[in-house]
Protein backbone atom coordinates (compact mmCIF):
# COMPACT_ATOMS: atom_id res chain seq x y z
CA UNK A 1 0.00 0.00 0.00
CA UNK A 2 2.86 2.32 0.94
CA UNK A 3 4.68 1.50 -2.31
CA UNK A 4 1.56 2.22 -4.35
CA UNK A 5 1.15 5.55 -2.61
CA UNK A 6 4.76 6.56 -3.26
CA UNK A 7 4.51 5.41 -6.85
CA UNK A 8 1.35 7.51 -7.30
CA UNK A 9 3.02 10.55 -5.82
CA UNK A 10 6.11 10.05 -7.99
CA UNK A 11 3.95 9.64 -11.09
CA UNK A 12 2.05 12.76 -10.19
CA UNK A 13 5.30 14.69 -9.78
CA UNK A 14 6.55 13.40 -13.15
CA UNK A 15 3.28 14.36 -14.84
CA UNK A 16 3.24 17.76 -13.17
CA UNK A 17 6.90 18.37 -14.07
CA UNK A 18 6.36 17.26 -17.65
CA UNK A 19 3.33 19.49 -17.94
CA UNK A 20 5.28 22.42 -16.49
CA UNK A 21 8.12 21.88 -18.96
CA UNK A 22 5.64 21.51 -21.82
CA UNK A 23 3.76 24.63 -20.73
CA UNK A 24 6.97 26.64 -20.31
CA UNK A 25 8.25 25.47 -23.69
CA UNK A 26 5.15 26.50 -25.60
CA UNK A 27 3.07 28.96 -23.59
CA UNK A 28 5.19 31.09 -21.25
CA UNK A 29 6.17 34.59 -22.29
CA UNK A 30 9.57 34.19 -23.96
CA UNK A 31 10.26 37.76 -25.05
CA UNK A 32 12.90 39.90 -23.38
CA UNK A 33 13.03 43.08 -25.48
CA UNK A 34 11.90 46.32 -23.83
CA UNK A 35 10.47 48.01 -26.91
CA UNK A 36 6.85 47.55 -27.92
CA UNK A 37 7.91 45.44 -30.90
CA UNK A 38 10.93 43.81 -32.48
CA UNK A 39 11.32 43.49 -36.26
CA UNK A 40 13.40 40.70 -37.74
CA UNK A 41 14.38 40.19 -41.37
CA UNK A 42 15.03 36.51 -42.08
CA UNK A 43 17.28 36.11 -45.11
CA UNK A 44 16.78 33.37 -47.69
CA UNK A 45 20.09 31.64 -46.97
CA UNK A 46 19.67 31.44 -43.19
CA UNK A 47 19.42 28.11 -41.41
CA UNK A 48 17.76 27.62 -38.03
CA UNK A 49 20.96 28.15 -36.05
CA UNK A 50 21.48 31.58 -37.61
CA UNK A 51 17.86 32.47 -36.88
CA UNK A 52 18.08 31.26 -33.27
CA UNK A 53 21.34 33.16 -32.67
CA UNK A 54 19.79 36.31 -34.12
CA UNK A 55 16.71 35.99 -31.93
CA UNK A 56 18.62 34.93 -28.82
CA UNK A 57 19.29 38.45 -27.39
CA UNK A 58 15.55 39.13 -27.59
CA UNK A 59 14.37 35.92 -25.94
CA UNK A 60 14.25 34.86 -22.29
CA UNK A 61 15.34 31.37 -23.29
CA UNK A 62 16.80 30.50 -26.68
CA UNK A 63 16.96 26.86 -25.55
CA UNK A 64 13.19 26.65 -24.96
CA UNK A 65 12.61 28.36 -28.30
CA UNK A 66 14.81 25.75 -29.97
CA UNK A 67 12.91 22.87 -28.33
CA UNK A 68 9.55 24.32 -29.34
CA UNK A 69 10.74 24.84 -32.92
CA UNK A 70 11.98 21.25 -33.18
CA UNK A 71 8.74 19.84 -31.76
CA UNK A 72 6.70 21.89 -34.25
CA UNK A 73 9.02 21.05 -37.16
CA UNK A 74 9.80 24.72 -37.76
CA UNK A 75 13.56 24.23 -37.45
CA UNK A 76 13.67 22.53 -40.87
CA UNK A 77 11.09 24.79 -42.54
CA UNK A 78 12.01 28.39 -41.74
CA UNK A 79 10.78 31.06 -44.15
CA UNK A 80 12.52 34.24 -45.19
CA UNK A 81 10.82 37.61 -44.90
CA UNK A 82 10.10 40.47 -42.54
CA UNK A 83 8.31 39.63 -39.27
CA UNK A 84 7.23 41.68 -36.25
CA UNK A 85 7.22 40.29 -32.72
CA UNK A 86 5.52 42.05 -29.83
CA UNK A 87 6.10 41.77 -26.09
CA UNK A 88 4.55 38.85 -24.22
CA UNK A 89 4.59 36.27 -27.02
CA UNK A 90 5.06 32.62 -26.18
CA UNK A 91 7.26 30.32 -28.24
CA UNK A 92 4.14 28.86 -29.85
CA UNK A 93 3.00 32.34 -30.88
CA UNK A 94 6.48 33.37 -32.06
CA UNK A 95 6.82 30.28 -34.25
CA UNK A 96 3.32 30.70 -35.69
CA UNK A 97 4.15 34.28 -36.61
CA UNK A 98 7.47 33.34 -38.19
CA UNK A 99 5.79 30.53 -40.09
CA UNK A 100 2.69 32.29 -41.39
CA UNK A 101 2.81 36.07 -40.98
CA UNK A 102 5.46 37.52 -43.29
CA UNK A 103 4.76 41.25 -43.69
CA UNK A 104 5.03 43.55 -46.71
CA UNK A 105 7.34 46.56 -46.66
CA UNK A 106 6.90 49.93 -48.31
CA UNK A 107 9.17 50.69 -51.25
CA UNK A 108 9.31 54.30 -52.40
CA UNK A 109 11.32 55.56 -55.36
CA UNK A 110 11.38 58.65 -57.55
CA UNK A 111 13.84 60.88 -59.40
CA UNK A 112 16.07 57.95 -60.38
CA UNK A 113 18.23 59.05 -63.31
CA UNK A 114 19.05 55.58 -64.59
CA UNK A 115 18.04 51.98 -64.14
CA UNK A 116 21.29 51.45 -62.19
CA UNK A 117 20.22 54.08 -59.65
CA UNK A 118 16.87 52.39 -59.22
CA UNK A 119 18.51 49.00 -58.64
CA UNK A 120 20.65 50.57 -55.93
CA UNK A 121 17.63 52.16 -54.31
CA UNK A 122 15.74 48.84 -54.23
CA UNK A 123 18.71 47.04 -52.68
CA UNK A 124 18.56 49.50 -49.76
CA UNK A 125 15.09 48.33 -48.71
CA UNK A 126 14.68 44.79 -50.10
CA UNK A 127 16.64 41.57 -49.58
CA UNK A 128 18.25 41.14 -53.02
CA UNK A 129 21.37 43.09 -53.96
CA UNK A 130 21.59 45.75 -56.66
CA UNK A 131 23.32 43.45 -59.17
CA UNK A 132 20.47 40.94 -58.93
CA UNK A 133 17.89 43.67 -59.49
CA UNK A 134 19.89 45.12 -62.37
CA UNK A 135 20.20 41.72 -64.03
CA UNK A 136 16.42 41.18 -63.85
CA UNK A 137 15.67 44.71 -65.09
CA UNK A 138 18.02 44.33 -68.04
CA UNK A 139 16.96 40.81 -68.95
CA UNK A 140 16.64 40.77 -72.74
CA UNK A 141 13.88 38.13 -72.67
CA UNK A 142 11.86 40.04 -70.07
CA UNK A 143 12.19 43.38 -71.87
CA UNK A 144 11.35 41.83 -75.24
CA UNK A 145 8.32 40.07 -73.81
CA UNK A 146 7.00 43.33 -72.32
CA UNK A 147 7.77 45.46 -75.37
CA UNK A 148 10.70 47.41 -73.91
CA UNK A 149 14.42 47.72 -74.65
CA UNK A 150 17.49 48.65 -72.63
CA UNK A 151 16.98 52.27 -73.71
CA UNK A 152 13.33 52.37 -72.62
CA UNK A 153 13.48 50.03 -69.58
CA UNK A 154 13.32 52.87 -67.04
CA UNK A 155 9.94 53.95 -68.45
CA UNK A 156 8.33 50.86 -66.91
CA UNK A 157 9.02 52.01 -63.35
CA UNK A 158 6.60 54.71 -62.24
CA UNK A 159 7.55 56.74 -59.16
CA UNK A 160 5.33 55.85 -56.24
CA UNK A 161 5.16 53.95 -52.95
CA UNK A 162 4.50 50.23 -53.32
CA UNK A 163 3.88 47.44 -50.84
CA UNK A 164 5.86 44.28 -51.58
CA UNK A 165 7.32 41.48 -49.51
CA UNK A 166 10.88 42.17 -48.35
CA UNK A 167 12.16 38.91 -49.87
CA UNK A 168 10.44 39.35 -53.23
CA UNK A 169 12.65 38.08 -56.04
CA UNK A 170 13.97 40.67 -58.54
CA UNK A 171 12.10 38.87 -61.32
CA UNK A 172 8.81 39.00 -59.40
CA UNK A 173 9.42 42.67 -58.60
CA UNK A 174 9.87 43.48 -62.29
CA UNK A 175 6.65 41.63 -63.10
CA UNK A 176 4.84 43.61 -60.40
CA UNK A 177 6.15 46.90 -61.80
CA UNK A 178 4.94 45.97 -65.28
CA UNK A 179 1.51 45.29 -63.82
CA UNK A 180 1.58 48.75 -62.21
CA UNK A 181 2.63 50.25 -65.57
CA UNK A 182 -0.31 48.56 -67.32
CA UNK A 183 -2.68 49.72 -64.59
CA UNK A 184 -1.46 53.32 -64.87
CA UNK A 185 -1.93 53.38 -68.63
CA UNK A 186 -5.70 53.30 -68.59
CA UNK A 187 -7.78 53.64 -71.75
CA UNK A 188 -8.17 57.35 -70.98
CA UNK A 189 -4.43 57.99 -70.67
CA UNK A 190 -3.71 55.99 -73.82
CA UNK A 191 -6.28 58.08 -75.68
CA UNK A 192 -4.65 61.30 -74.42
CA UNK A 193 -1.25 60.03 -75.54
CA UNK A 194 -2.65 59.22 -78.97
CA UNK A 195 -4.00 62.77 -79.23
CA UNK A 196 -0.42 64.00 -78.86
CA UNK A 197 0.80 61.50 -81.45
CA UNK A 198 2.81 59.61 -78.84
CA UNK A 199 2.99 56.12 -77.38
CA UNK A 200 3.02 55.66 -73.58
CA UNK A 201 6.81 55.17 -73.59
CA UNK A 202 7.26 58.28 -75.76
CA UNK A 203 5.10 60.24 -73.32
CA UNK A 204 7.40 59.18 -70.46
CA UNK A 205 10.47 60.01 -72.56
CA UNK A 206 9.22 63.53 -73.24
CA UNK A 207 8.05 63.85 -69.63
CA UNK A 208 11.59 63.07 -68.45
CA UNK A 209 12.83 66.10 -70.42
CA UNK A 210 10.04 68.29 -69.03
CA UNK A 211 10.86 67.03 -65.54
CA UNK A 212 14.52 67.98 -65.96
CA UNK A 213 13.68 71.42 -67.37
CA UNK A 214 11.79 72.63 -64.31
CA UNK A 215 11.02 71.68 -60.74
CA UNK A 216 7.92 73.88 -60.88
CA UNK A 217 4.98 71.54 -61.47
CA UNK A 218 2.77 74.50 -62.37
CA UNK A 219 5.04 75.31 -65.34
CA UNK A 220 5.33 71.80 -66.73
CA UNK A 221 2.16 71.84 -68.91
CA UNK A 222 3.51 75.06 -70.50
CA UNK A 223 6.91 73.52 -71.27
CA UNK A 224 5.31 70.29 -72.48
CA UNK A 225 3.26 72.43 -74.87
CA UNK A 226 6.44 73.99 -76.28
CA UNK A 227 8.03 70.63 -77.03
CA UNK A 228 4.84 69.22 -78.54
CA UNK A 229 4.55 72.31 -80.76
CA UNK A 230 8.10 71.73 -81.95
CA UNK A 231 7.49 68.05 -82.63
CA UNK A 232 4.37 68.85 -84.66
CA UNK A 233 6.37 71.34 -86.75
CA UNK A 234 9.20 68.79 -87.18
CA UNK A 235 11.62 71.03 -85.33
CA UNK A 236 14.46 69.76 -83.17
CA UNK A 237 13.57 69.80 -79.49
CA UNK A 238 16.91 71.46 -78.62
CA UNK A 239 16.55 70.46 -74.99
CA UNK A 240 19.62 71.14 -72.83
CA UNK A 241 18.86 68.24 -70.42
CA UNK A 242 19.30 65.77 -73.28
CA UNK A 243 22.73 67.24 -74.07
CA UNK A 244 23.71 66.93 -70.41
CA UNK A 245 22.59 63.30 -70.44
CA UNK A 246 24.57 62.66 -73.64
CA UNK A 247 27.70 64.17 -72.06
CA UNK A 248 27.34 62.09 -68.92
CA UNK A 249 26.77 58.97 -70.97
CA UNK A 250 29.79 59.64 -73.19
CA UNK A 251 32.14 60.05 -70.22
CA UNK A 252 30.29 57.49 -68.07
CA UNK A 253 30.12 59.96 -65.21
CA UNK A 254 26.55 60.43 -64.10
CA UNK A 255 27.53 62.03 -60.78
CA UNK A 256 28.98 65.17 -62.33
CA UNK A 257 26.94 68.38 -62.08
CA UNK A 258 26.65 70.44 -65.27
CA UNK A 259 25.04 73.83 -64.65
CA UNK A 260 25.61 75.29 -68.10
CA UNK A 261 25.57 73.76 -71.57
CA UNK A 262 28.26 75.25 -73.82
CA UNK A 263 28.05 75.70 -77.59
CA UNK A 264 30.74 73.05 -78.09
CA UNK A 265 28.57 70.58 -76.16
CA UNK A 266 25.81 70.92 -78.75
CA UNK A 267 28.01 69.15 -81.31
CA UNK A 268 28.23 65.88 -79.38
CA UNK A 269 27.20 62.93 -81.53
CA UNK A 270 24.55 61.04 -79.60
CA UNK A 271 20.97 59.86 -80.19
CA UNK A 272 20.21 61.77 -76.98
CA UNK A 273 21.43 65.13 -78.33
CA UNK A 274 18.20 66.76 -79.46
CA UNK A 275 20.17 69.66 -80.95
CA UNK A 276 21.23 67.18 -83.66
CA UNK A 277 18.37 64.66 -83.94
CA UNK A 278 14.89 65.69 -85.09
CA UNK A 279 13.00 63.34 -82.82
CA UNK A 280 12.70 62.19 -79.26
CA UNK A 281 15.70 60.49 -77.61
CA UNK A 282 15.85 56.69 -77.58
CA UNK A 283 14.28 56.60 -74.13
CA UNK A 284 13.79 58.59 -70.92
CA UNK A 285 16.77 60.53 -69.57
CA UNK A 286 15.45 60.19 -66.01
CA UNK A 287 12.43 58.95 -64.09
CA UNK A 288 9.83 61.73 -64.43
CA UNK A 289 7.35 62.72 -61.77
CA UNK A 290 3.72 61.82 -62.40
CA UNK A 291 3.07 65.56 -62.73
CA UNK A 292 5.47 65.69 -65.69
CA UNK A 293 3.73 62.73 -67.34
CA UNK A 294 0.34 64.37 -66.83
CA UNK A 295 1.76 67.62 -68.26
CA UNK A 296 2.59 65.84 -71.52
CA UNK A 297 -0.82 64.19 -71.61
CA UNK A 298 -2.62 67.46 -70.84
CA UNK A 299 -0.32 70.22 -72.15
CA UNK A 300 -1.19 73.88 -72.14
CA UNK A 301 -2.26 74.98 -75.60
CA UNK A 302 -0.31 78.01 -76.88
CA UNK A 303 1.89 79.16 -79.77
CA UNK A 304 5.22 79.16 -77.93
CA UNK A 305 8.17 77.44 -79.58
CA UNK A 306 11.00 78.66 -77.32
CA UNK A 307 11.79 79.20 -73.67
CA UNK A 308 14.80 80.09 -71.55
CA UNK A 309 15.41 80.42 -67.82
CA UNK A 310 14.20 83.63 -66.22
CA UNK A 311 16.99 84.95 -63.93
CA UNK A 312 14.58 87.47 -62.41
CA UNK A 313 12.31 84.66 -61.25
CA UNK A 314 14.46 81.65 -60.28
CA UNK A 315 12.97 78.30 -61.24
CA UNK A 316 10.74 79.82 -63.93
CA UNK A 317 11.18 80.60 -67.63
CA UNK A 318 10.49 83.21 -70.28
CA UNK A 319 8.56 81.96 -73.30
CA UNK A 320 8.49 83.19 -76.89
CA UNK A 321 6.66 82.39 -80.11
CA UNK A 322 9.32 83.95 -82.38
CA UNK A 323 13.05 83.35 -82.62
CA UNK A 324 13.73 87.09 -82.40
CA UNK A 325 11.96 87.37 -79.05
CA UNK A 326 13.65 84.21 -77.82
CA UNK A 327 17.09 85.58 -78.71
CA UNK A 328 16.39 88.70 -76.69
CA UNK A 329 15.35 86.58 -73.72
CA UNK A 330 18.39 84.39 -74.18
CA UNK A 331 20.81 87.34 -74.17
CA UNK A 332 19.43 88.46 -70.81
CA UNK A 333 19.96 84.98 -69.41
CA UNK A 334 23.48 84.70 -70.83
CA UNK A 335 24.46 88.02 -69.25
CA UNK A 336 23.19 86.77 -65.93
CA UNK A 337 25.22 83.54 -66.25
CA UNK A 338 28.39 85.48 -67.04
CA UNK A 339 27.83 87.96 -64.23
CA UNK A 340 27.49 85.06 -61.81
CA UNK A 341 30.51 83.28 -63.33
CA UNK A 342 28.54 80.14 -64.14
CA UNK A 343 30.81 78.92 -66.90
CA UNK A 344 30.06 75.22 -66.42
């Protein structure tokens, strides 16, 4: 009788101990960080040991977390992505989050001058590196399938804020951006482009020039109208930003700042030099703002064919319908440049 009683007590202790260990392993609070939340980015090449070591400083017990993960089979099936843990989570809750609740991140980009700049920007906020993004963006098969080329590739990426998963592959990202491009080019916008005699990519190409000409959104429809008037009259655009782009491309130095285009620069042989070619450049010279795209789609109607910077009103321009008036405006601007010693 005494033996049975002791055996019962011992069994009870074993059961109670086992239950306590089980409960502690799965259901006790195992967070140790003081902030309201802790964000972790699990990379695609991590194994469970790397994950556990990364989480360890933020857990009360990394050992209990490891046991729970093994019992739930998570240690051999971890998933990359961004995850957010909050205070008070048990191992069971932590593992369920890491297994099922990958979160999107916000990706914002604008004013990227080249596809290389965009790839660098994406690598700052997403898992893949810039070379991987650049390879996907320049993929000949992808561009051909979507109707783009290396010269027009940047036109596909519209400046905005997008929600994507942190570990999205570069190829999937490019597909997503093409979907956004197709969504942006509604039937209405395509009809407006057709009214201007332009394709969507040509609209973005011209918009990139308008964007570079002025930071004043209110003036962009006016400048877009000038360039469209010139195109309709088969005149050269004679846009200084395209010459600057041609110079940077020739010397492969896109970080240099060129404040003044010289007469000798106008002779550069390049499909981007609109002082020589009588058409739009091969593709956009930068990523234009949406306001610049809308300016080309809805330009101000007028008879202007020329414009030059207005030194009396920085950021704005003087417009002219005749070459004589333009030359007078230009002389005023040139004097101002010389007085301020802006030779380059």
